[in-house]
PDB file of all heavy atoms in Angstrom:
ATOM      1  N   VAL A   1      90.138 101.596 108.943  1.00  0.00           N
ATOM      2  CA  VAL A   1      91.511 102.087 108.940  1.00  0.00           C
ATOM      3  C   VAL A   1      92.425 101.132 108.169  1.00  0.00           C
ATOM      4  O   VAL A   1      93.227 101.521 107.346  1.00  0.00           O
ATOM      5  CB  VAL A   1      92.042 102.278 110.381  1.00  0.00           C
ATOM      6  CG1 VAL A   1      93.516 102.661 110.345  1.00  0.00           C
ATOM      7  CG2 VAL A   1      91.237 103.297 111.107  1.00  0.00           C
ATOM      8  N   SER A   2      92.237  99.823 108.450  1.00  0.00           N
ATOM      9  CA  SER A   2      93.032  98.791 107.785  1.00  0.00           C
ATOM     10  C   SER A   2      92.810  98.819 106.299  1.00  0.00           C
ATOM     11  O   SER A   2      93.733  98.697 105.493  1.00  0.00           O
ATOM     12  CB  SER A   2      92.648  97.412 108.357  1.00  0.00           C
ATOM     13  OG  SER A   2      93.384  96.395 107.702  1.00  0.00           O
ATOM     14  N   LEU A   3      91.554  98.972 105.879  1.00  0.00           N
ATOM     15  CA  LEU A   3      91.212  98.967 104.465  1.00  0.00           C
ATOM     16  C   LEU A   3      91.852 100.144 103.740  1.00  0.00           C
ATOM     17  O   LEU A   3      92.451 100.000 102.659  1.00  0.00           O
ATOM     18  CB  LEU A   3      89.711  99.017 104.271  1.00  0.00           C
ATOM     19  CG  LEU A   3      89.191  99.051 102.835  1.00  0.00           C
ATOM     20  CD1 LEU A   3      89.571  97.805 102.074  1.00  0.00           C
ATOM     21  CD2 LEU A   3      87.645  99.265 102.805  1.00  0.00           C
ATOM     22  N   VAL A   4      91.786 101.320 104.374  1.00  0.00           N
ATOM     23  CA  VAL A   4      92.349 102.534 103.755  1.00  0.00           C
ATOM     24  C   VAL A   4      93.859 102.394 103.616  1.00  0.00           C
ATOM     25  O   VAL A   4      94.436 102.675 102.573  1.00  0.00           O
ATOM     26  CB  VAL A   4      92.001 103.799 104.616  1.00  0.00           C
ATOM     27  CG1 VAL A   4      92.782 104.988 104.073  1.00  0.00           C
ATOM     28  CG2 VAL A   4      90.523 104.056 104.568  1.00  0.00           C
ATOM     29  N   ILE A   5      94.527 101.943 104.689  1.00  0.00           N
ATOM     30  CA  ILE A   5      96.005 101.793 104.665  1.00  0.00           C
ATOM     31  C   ILE A   5      96.409 100.783 103.629  1.00  0.00           C
ATOM     32  O   ILE A   5      97.356 100.974 102.852  1.00  0.00           O
ATOM     33  CB  ILE A   5      96.522 101.394 106.036  1.00  0.00           C
ATOM     34  CG1 ILE A   5      96.316 102.529 107.058  1.00  0.00           C
ATOM     35  CG2 ILE A   5      98.032 101.036 105.943  1.00  0.00           C
ATOM     36  CD1 ILE A   5      96.701 102.182 108.476  1.00  0.00           C
ATOM     37  N   ASN A   6      95.674  99.660 103.596  1.00  0.00           N
ATOM     38  CA  ASN A   6      96.033  98.605 102.643  1.00  0.00           C
ATOM     39  C   ASN A   6      95.817  99.035 101.183  1.00  0.00           C
ATOM     40  O   ASN A   6      96.671  98.708 100.340  1.00  0.00           O
ATOM     41  CB  ASN A   6      95.161  97.356 102.942  1.00  0.00           C
ATOM     42  CG  ASN A   6      95.523  96.180 102.056  1.00  0.00           C
ATOM     43  OD1 ASN A   6      94.996  96.010 100.976  1.00  0.00           O
ATOM     44  ND2 ASN A   6      96.446  95.356 102.528  1.00  0.00           N
ATOM     45  N   LYS A   7      94.755  99.776 100.912  1.00  0.00           N
ATOM     46  CA  LYS A   7      94.479 100.218  99.559  1.00  0.00           C
ATOM     47  C   LYS A   7      95.457 101.274  99.092  1.00  0.00           C
ATOM     48  O   LYS A   7      95.894 101.259  97.937  1.00  0.00           O
ATOM     49  CB  LYS A   7      93.044 100.726  99.474  1.00  0.00           C
ATOM     50  CG  LYS A   7      91.976  99.674  99.614  1.00  0.00           C
ATOM     51  CD  LYS A   7      92.044  98.676  98.469  1.00  0.00           C
ATOM     52  CE  LYS A   7      90.888  97.647  98.589  1.00  0.00           C
ATOM     53  NZ  LYS A   7      90.961  96.643  97.515  1.00  0.00           N
ATOM     54  N   ILE A   8      95.846 102.148 100.022  1.00  0.00           N
ATOM     55  CA  ILE A   8      96.728 103.251  99.623  1.00  0.00           C
ATOM     56  C   ILE A   8      98.205 102.846  99.618  1.00  0.00           C
ATOM     57  O   ILE A   8      98.949 103.150  98.685  1.00  0.00           O
ATOM     58  CB  ILE A   8      96.525 104.464 100.560  1.00  0.00           C
ATOM     59  CG1 ILE A   8      95.112 105.017 100.420  1.00  0.00           C
ATOM     60  CG2 ILE A   8      97.557 105.591 100.254  1.00  0.00           C
ATOM     61  CD1 ILE A   8      94.815 106.145 101.353  1.00  0.00           C
ATOM     62  N   PHE A   9      98.601 102.127 100.645  1.00  0.00           N
ATOM     63  CA  PHE A   9     100.013 101.839 100.828  1.00  0.00           C
ATOM     64  C   PHE A   9     100.383 100.353 100.593  1.00  0.00           C
ATOM     65  O   PHE A   9     101.522 100.050 100.240  1.00  0.00           O
ATOM     66  CB  PHE A   9     100.479 102.252 102.232  1.00  0.00           C
ATOM     67  CG  PHE A   9     100.297 103.702 102.530  1.00  0.00           C
ATOM     68  CD1 PHE A   9      99.282 104.142 103.303  1.00  0.00           C
ATOM     69  CD2 PHE A   9     101.190 104.661 102.031  1.00  0.00           C
ATOM     70  CE1 PHE A   9      99.074 105.488 103.589  1.00  0.00           C
ATOM     71  CE2 PHE A   9     101.044 105.992 102.294  1.00  0.00           C
ATOM     72  CZ  PHE A   9      99.969 106.425 103.083  1.00  0.00           C
ATOM     73  N   GLY A  10      99.432  99.450 100.831  1.00  0.00           N
ATOM     74  CA  GLY A  10      99.766  98.047 100.732  1.00  0.00           C
ATOM     75  C   GLY A  10     100.374  97.516 102.037  1.00  0.00           C
ATOM     76  O   GLY A  10     100.498  98.243 103.043  1.00  0.00           O
ATOM     77  N   HIS A  11     100.820  96.255 102.022  1.00  0.00           N
ATOM     78  CA  HIS A  11     101.407  95.646 103.167  1.00  0.00           C
ATOM     79  C   HIS A  11     102.922  95.899 103.268  1.00  0.00           C
ATOM     80  O   HIS A  11     103.605  95.901 102.247  1.00  0.00           O
ATOM     81  CB  HIS A  11     101.130  94.116 103.159  1.00  0.00           C
ATOM     82  CG  HIS A  11     101.699  93.401 104.332  1.00  0.00           C
ATOM     83  ND1 HIS A  11     101.596  93.875 105.643  1.00  0.00           N
ATOM     84  CD2 HIS A  11     102.377  92.215 104.432  1.00  0.00           C
ATOM     85  CE1 HIS A  11     102.165  93.028 106.483  1.00  0.00           C
ATOM     86  NE2 HIS A  11     102.669  92.023 105.762  1.00  0.00           N
ATOM     87  N   ARG A  12     103.409  96.043 104.471  1.00  0.00           N
ATOM     88  CA  ARG A  12     104.815  96.268 104.767  1.00  0.00           C
ATOM     89  C   ARG A  12     105.418  97.478 104.016  1.00  0.00           C
ATOM     90  O   ARG A  12     106.427  97.377 103.366  1.00  0.00           O
ATOM     91  CB  ARG A  12     105.637  95.013 104.442  1.00  0.00           C
ATOM     92  CG  ARG A  12     105.332  93.882 105.409  1.00  0.00           C
ATOM     93  CD  ARG A  12     106.467  92.883 105.478  1.00  0.00           C
ATOM     94  NE  ARG A  12     106.106  91.778 106.369  1.00  0.00           N
ATOM     95  CZ  ARG A  12     106.920  90.807 106.734  1.00  0.00           C
ATOM     96  NH1 ARG A  12     108.172  90.806 106.320  1.00  0.00           N
ATOM     97  NH2 ARG A  12     106.523  89.833 107.524  1.00  0.00           N
ATOM     98  N   THR A  13     104.704  98.579 104.177  1.00  0.00           N
ATOM     99  CA  THR A  13     105.259  99.848 103.649  1.00  0.00           C
ATOM    100  C   THR A  13     105.291 100.832 104.801  1.00  0.00           C
ATOM    101  O   THR A  13     106.206 100.762 105.646  1.00  0.00           O
ATOM    102  CB  THR A  13     104.399 100.373 102.493  1.00  0.00           C
ATOM    103  OG1 THR A  13     103.023 100.442 102.916  1.00  0.00           O
ATOM    104  CG2 THR A  13     104.454  99.465 101.274  1.00  0.00           C
ATOM    105  N   ILE A  14     104.357 101.727 104.845  1.00  0.00           N
ATOM    106  CA  ILE A  14     104.384 102.782 105.861  1.00  0.00           C
ATOM    107  C   ILE A  14     104.250 102.248 107.309  1.00  0.00           C
ATOM    108  O   ILE A  14     104.837 102.803 108.258  1.00  0.00           O
ATOM    109  CB  ILE A  14     103.252 103.808 105.608  1.00  0.00           C
ATOM    110  CG1 ILE A  14     103.437 105.036 106.481  1.00  0.00           C
ATOM    111  CG2 ILE A  14     101.860 103.184 105.798  1.00  0.00           C
ATOM    112  CD1 ILE A  14     102.526 106.186 106.114  1.00  0.00           C
ATOM    113  N   CYS A  15     103.531 101.153 107.482  1.00  0.00           N
ATOM    114  CA  CYS A  15     103.311 100.596 108.829  1.00  0.00           C
ATOM    115  C   CYS A  15     104.498  99.757 109.294  1.00  0.00           C
ATOM    116  O   CYS A  15     104.537  99.332 110.475  1.00  0.00           O
ATOM    117  CB  CYS A  15     102.061  99.722 108.864  1.00  0.00           C
ATOM    118  SG  CYS A  15     100.537 100.723 108.691  1.00  0.00           S
ATOM    119  N   HIS A  16     105.443  99.477 108.436  1.00  0.00           N
ATOM    120  CA  HIS A  16     106.627  98.713 108.795  1.00  0.00           C
ATOM    121  C   HIS A  16     107.901  99.524 108.544  1.00  0.00           C
ATOM    122  O   HIS A  16     108.946  98.976 108.361  1.00  0.00           O
ATOM    123  CB  HIS A  16     106.723  97.389 107.990  1.00  0.00           C
ATOM    124  CG  HIS A  16     105.716  96.386 108.453  1.00  0.00           C
ATOM    125  ND1 HIS A  16     104.377  96.506 108.167  1.00  0.00           N
ATOM    126  CD2 HIS A  16     105.853  95.234 109.126  1.00  0.00           C
ATOM    127  CE1 HIS A  16     103.731  95.461 108.700  1.00  0.00           C
ATOM    128  NE2 HIS A  16     104.598  94.683 109.278  1.00  0.00           N
ATOM    129  N   ALA A  17     107.751 100.874 108.517  1.00  0.00           N
ATOM    130  CA  ALA A  17     108.854 101.740 108.224  1.00  0.00           C
ATOM    131  C   ALA A  17     109.421 102.362 109.486  1.00  0.00           C
ATOM    132  O   ALA A  17     108.786 103.181 110.114  1.00  0.00           O
ATOM    133  CB  ALA A  17     108.400 102.847 107.273  1.00  0.00           C
ATOM    134  N   PRO A  18     110.646 101.947 109.904  1.00  0.00           N
ATOM    135  CA  PRO A  18     111.260 102.466 111.130  1.00  0.00           C
ATOM    136  C   PRO A  18     111.356 104.011 111.134  1.00  0.00           C
ATOM    137  O   PRO A  18     111.091 104.612 112.198  1.00  0.00           O
ATOM    138  CB  PRO A  18     112.668 101.826 111.116  1.00  0.00           C
ATOM    139  CG  PRO A  18     112.474 100.602 110.311  1.00  0.00           C
ATOM    140  CD  PRO A  18     111.487 100.937 109.278  1.00  0.00           C
ATOM    141  N   LEU A  19     111.698 104.580 110.015  1.00  0.00           N
ATOM    142  CA  LEU A  19     111.882 106.033 109.967  1.00  0.00           C
ATOM    143  C   LEU A  19     110.567 106.773 110.246  1.00  0.00           C
ATOM    144  O   LEU A  19     110.556 107.849 110.882  1.00  0.00           O
ATOM    145  CB  LEU A  19     112.434 106.476 108.593  1.00  0.00           C
ATOM    146  CG  LEU A  19     113.864 106.017 108.276  1.00  0.00           C
ATOM    147  CD1 LEU A  19     114.282 106.546 106.910  1.00  0.00           C
ATOM    148  CD2 LEU A  19     114.817 106.523 109.337  1.00  0.00           C
ATOM    149  N   MET A  20     109.440 106.205 109.790  1.00  0.00           N
ATOM    150  CA  MET A  20     108.156 106.835 110.041  1.00  0.00           C
ATOM    151  C   MET A  20     107.816 106.823 111.522  1.00  0.00           C
ATOM    152  O   MET A  20     107.298 107.781 112.046  1.00  0.00           O
ATOM    153  CB  MET A  20     107.083 106.107 109.205  1.00  0.00           C
ATOM    154  CG  MET A  20     107.250 106.206 107.722  1.00  0.00           C
ATOM    155  SD  MET A  20     107.259 107.902 107.101  1.00  0.00           S
ATOM    156  CE  MET A  20     105.571 108.413 107.504  1.00  0.00           C
ATOM    157  N   TYR A  21     108.090 105.698 112.177  1.00  0.00           N
ATOM    158  CA  TYR A  21     107.800 105.603 113.591  1.00  0.00           C
ATOM    159  C   TYR A  21     108.681 106.534 114.410  1.00  0.00           C
ATOM    160  O   TYR A  21     108.247 107.128 115.391  1.00  0.00           O
ATOM    161  CB  TYR A  21     107.991 104.161 114.052  1.00  0.00           C
ATOM    162  CG  TYR A  21     106.875 103.239 113.641  1.00  0.00           C
ATOM    163  CD1 TYR A  21     107.080 102.240 112.728  1.00  0.00           C
ATOM    164  CD2 TYR A  21     105.608 103.374 114.202  1.00  0.00           C
ATOM    165  CE1 TYR A  21     106.058 101.429 112.344  1.00  0.00           C
ATOM    166  CE2 TYR A  21     104.580 102.567 113.810  1.00  0.00           C
ATOM    167  CZ  TYR A  21     104.787 101.540 112.884  1.00  0.00           C
ATOM    168  OH  TYR A  21     103.777 100.740 112.499  1.00  0.00           O
ATOM    169  N   VAL A  22     109.941 106.689 114.005  1.00  0.00           N
ATOM    170  CA  VAL A  22     110.814 107.618 114.735  1.00  0.00           C
ATOM    171  C   VAL A  22     110.346 109.048 114.552  1.00  0.00           C
ATOM    172  O   VAL A  22     110.332 109.825 115.524  1.00  0.00           O
ATOM    173  CB  VAL A  22     112.276 107.478 114.180  1.00  0.00           C
ATOM    174  CG1 VAL A  22     113.161 108.623 114.757  1.00  0.00           C
ATOM    175  CG2 VAL A  22     112.856 106.118 114.522  1.00  0.00           C
ATOM    176  N   PHE A  23     109.887 109.400 113.362  1.00  0.00           N
ATOM    177  CA  PHE A  23     109.373 110.733 113.075  1.00  0.00           C
ATOM    178  C   PHE A  23     108.112 110.994 113.949  1.00  0.00           C
ATOM    179  O   PHE A  23     108.029 112.062 114.607  1.00  0.00           O
ATOM    180  CB  PHE A  23     108.989 110.837 111.597  1.00  0.00           C
ATOM    181  CG  PHE A  23     108.423 112.188 111.250  1.00  0.00           C
ATOM    182  CD1 PHE A  23     109.225 113.317 111.195  1.00  0.00           C
ATOM    183  CD2 PHE A  23     107.093 112.322 110.912  1.00  0.00           C
ATOM    184  CE1 PHE A  23     108.703 114.572 110.854  1.00  0.00           C
ATOM    185  CE2 PHE A  23     106.546 113.536 110.583  1.00  0.00           C
ATOM    186  CZ  PHE A  23     107.358 114.679 110.548  1.00  0.00           C
ATOM    187  N   ILE A  24     107.200 110.036 114.017  1.00  0.00           N
ATOM    188  CA  ILE A  24     105.997 110.175 114.820  1.00  0.00           C
ATOM    189  C   ILE A  24     106.322 110.290 116.281  1.00  0.00           C
ATOM    190  O   ILE A  24     105.724 111.039 117.052  1.00  0.00           O
ATOM    191  CB  ILE A  24     105.061 108.987 114.556  1.00  0.00           C
ATOM    192  CG1 ILE A  24     104.521 109.012 113.104  1.00  0.00           C
ATOM    193  CG2 ILE A  24     103.855 109.007 115.522  1.00  0.00           C
ATOM    194  CD1 ILE A  24     103.739 107.780 112.729  1.00  0.00           C
ATOM    195  N   TYR A  25     107.345 109.506 116.712  1.00  0.00           N
ATOM    196  CA  TYR A  25     107.780 109.494 118.093  1.00  0.00           C
ATOM    197  C   TYR A  25     108.215 110.895 118.554  1.00  0.00           C
ATOM    198  O   TYR A  25     107.830 111.389 119.651  1.00  0.00           O
ATOM    199  CB  TYR A  25     108.914 108.524 118.277  1.00  0.00           C
ATOM    200  CG  TYR A  25     109.468 108.437 119.705  1.00  0.00           C
ATOM    201  CD1 TYR A  25     108.819 107.680 120.661  1.00  0.00           C
ATOM    202  CD2 TYR A  25     110.593 109.149 120.060  1.00  0.00           C
ATOM    203  CE1 TYR A  25     109.336 107.565 121.954  1.00  0.00           C
ATOM    204  CE2 TYR A  25     111.080 109.058 121.353  1.00  0.00           C
ATOM    205  CZ  TYR A  25     110.455 108.272 122.299  1.00  0.00           C
ATOM    206  OH  TYR A  25     110.948 108.222 123.589  1.00  0.00           O
ATOM    207  N   HIS A  26     108.988 111.556 117.715  1.00  0.00           N
ATOM    208  CA  HIS A  26     109.461 112.886 118.041  1.00  0.00           C
ATOM    209  C   HIS A  26     108.304 113.926 118.127  1.00  0.00           C
ATOM    210  O   HIS A  26     108.319 114.805 118.954  1.00  0.00           O
ATOM    211  CB  HIS A  26     110.507 113.344 117.028  1.00  0.00           C
ATOM    212  CG  HIS A  26     111.868 112.776 117.260  1.00  0.00           C
ATOM    213  ND1 HIS A  26     112.736 113.312 118.188  1.00  0.00           N
ATOM    214  CD2 HIS A  26     112.477 111.680 116.757  1.00  0.00           C
ATOM    215  CE1 HIS A  26     113.832 112.610 118.219  1.00  0.00           C
ATOM    216  NE2 HIS A  26     113.736 111.608 117.348  1.00  0.00           N
ATOM    217  N   ILE A  27     107.332 113.742 117.278  1.00  0.00           N
ATOM    218  CA  ILE A  27     106.166 114.632 117.316  1.00  0.00           C
ATOM    219  C   ILE A  27     105.378 114.425 118.615  1.00  0.00           C
ATOM    220  O   ILE A  27     104.989 115.371 119.294  1.00  0.00           O
ATOM    221  CB  ILE A  27     105.254 114.382 116.080  1.00  0.00           C
ATOM    222  CG1 ILE A  27     105.955 114.802 114.793  1.00  0.00           C
ATOM    223  CG2 ILE A  27     103.909 115.156 116.255  1.00  0.00           C
ATOM    224  CD1 ILE A  27     105.152 114.526 113.569  1.00  0.00           C
ATOM    225  N   ILE A  28     105.177 113.178 118.964  1.00  0.00           N
ATOM    226  CA  ILE A  28     104.429 112.838 120.191  1.00  0.00           C
ATOM    227  C   ILE A  28     105.152 113.351 121.412  1.00  0.00           C
ATOM    228  O   ILE A  28     104.502 113.955 122.296  1.00  0.00           O
ATOM    229  CB  ILE A  28     104.224 111.298 120.301  1.00  0.00           C
ATOM    230  CG1 ILE A  28     103.305 110.796 119.196  1.00  0.00           C
ATOM    231  CG2 ILE A  28     103.694 110.949 121.675  1.00  0.00           C
ATOM    232  CD1 ILE A  28     103.144 109.289 119.186  1.00  0.00           C
ATOM    233  N   ARG A  29     106.446 113.167 121.486  1.00  0.00           N
ATOM    234  CA  ARG A  29     107.178 113.579 122.659  1.00  0.00           C
ATOM    235  C   ARG A  29     107.236 115.085 122.854  1.00  0.00           C
ATOM    236  O   ARG A  29     107.593 115.581 123.893  1.00  0.00           O
ATOM    237  CB  ARG A  29     108.581 112.986 122.649  1.00  0.00           C
ATOM    238  CG  ARG A  29     108.653 111.493 122.812  1.00  0.00           C
ATOM    239  CD  ARG A  29     107.996 111.024 124.112  1.00  0.00           C
ATOM    240  NE  ARG A  29     108.649 111.499 125.279  1.00  0.00           N
ATOM    241  CZ  ARG A  29     109.597 110.790 125.930  1.00  0.00           C
ATOM    242  NH1 ARG A  29     109.960 109.615 125.490  1.00  0.00           N
ATOM    243  NH2 ARG A  29     110.188 111.285 127.003  1.00  0.00           N
ATOM    244  N   LEU A  30     106.939 115.846 121.801  1.00  0.00           N
ATOM    245  CA  LEU A  30     106.907 117.311 121.933  1.00  0.00           C
ATOM    246  C   LEU A  30     105.623 117.804 122.589  1.00  0.00           C
ATOM    247  O   LEU A  30     105.540 118.932 123.049  1.00  0.00           O
ATOM    248  CB  LEU A  30     107.038 117.953 120.560  1.00  0.00           C
ATOM    249  CG  LEU A  30     108.438 117.929 119.940  1.00  0.00           C
ATOM    250  CD1 LEU A  30     108.408 118.534 118.532  1.00  0.00           C
ATOM    251  CD2 LEU A  30     109.440 118.696 120.799  1.00  0.00           C
TER     252      LEU A  30
END
């Protein structure tokens, strides 16, 4: 998982994006 994320997105992109976590949070809570 780490390799795929790192190769596609790099460090401090999608995994450090507040808006992405908020979006996922709303999906989970539904």
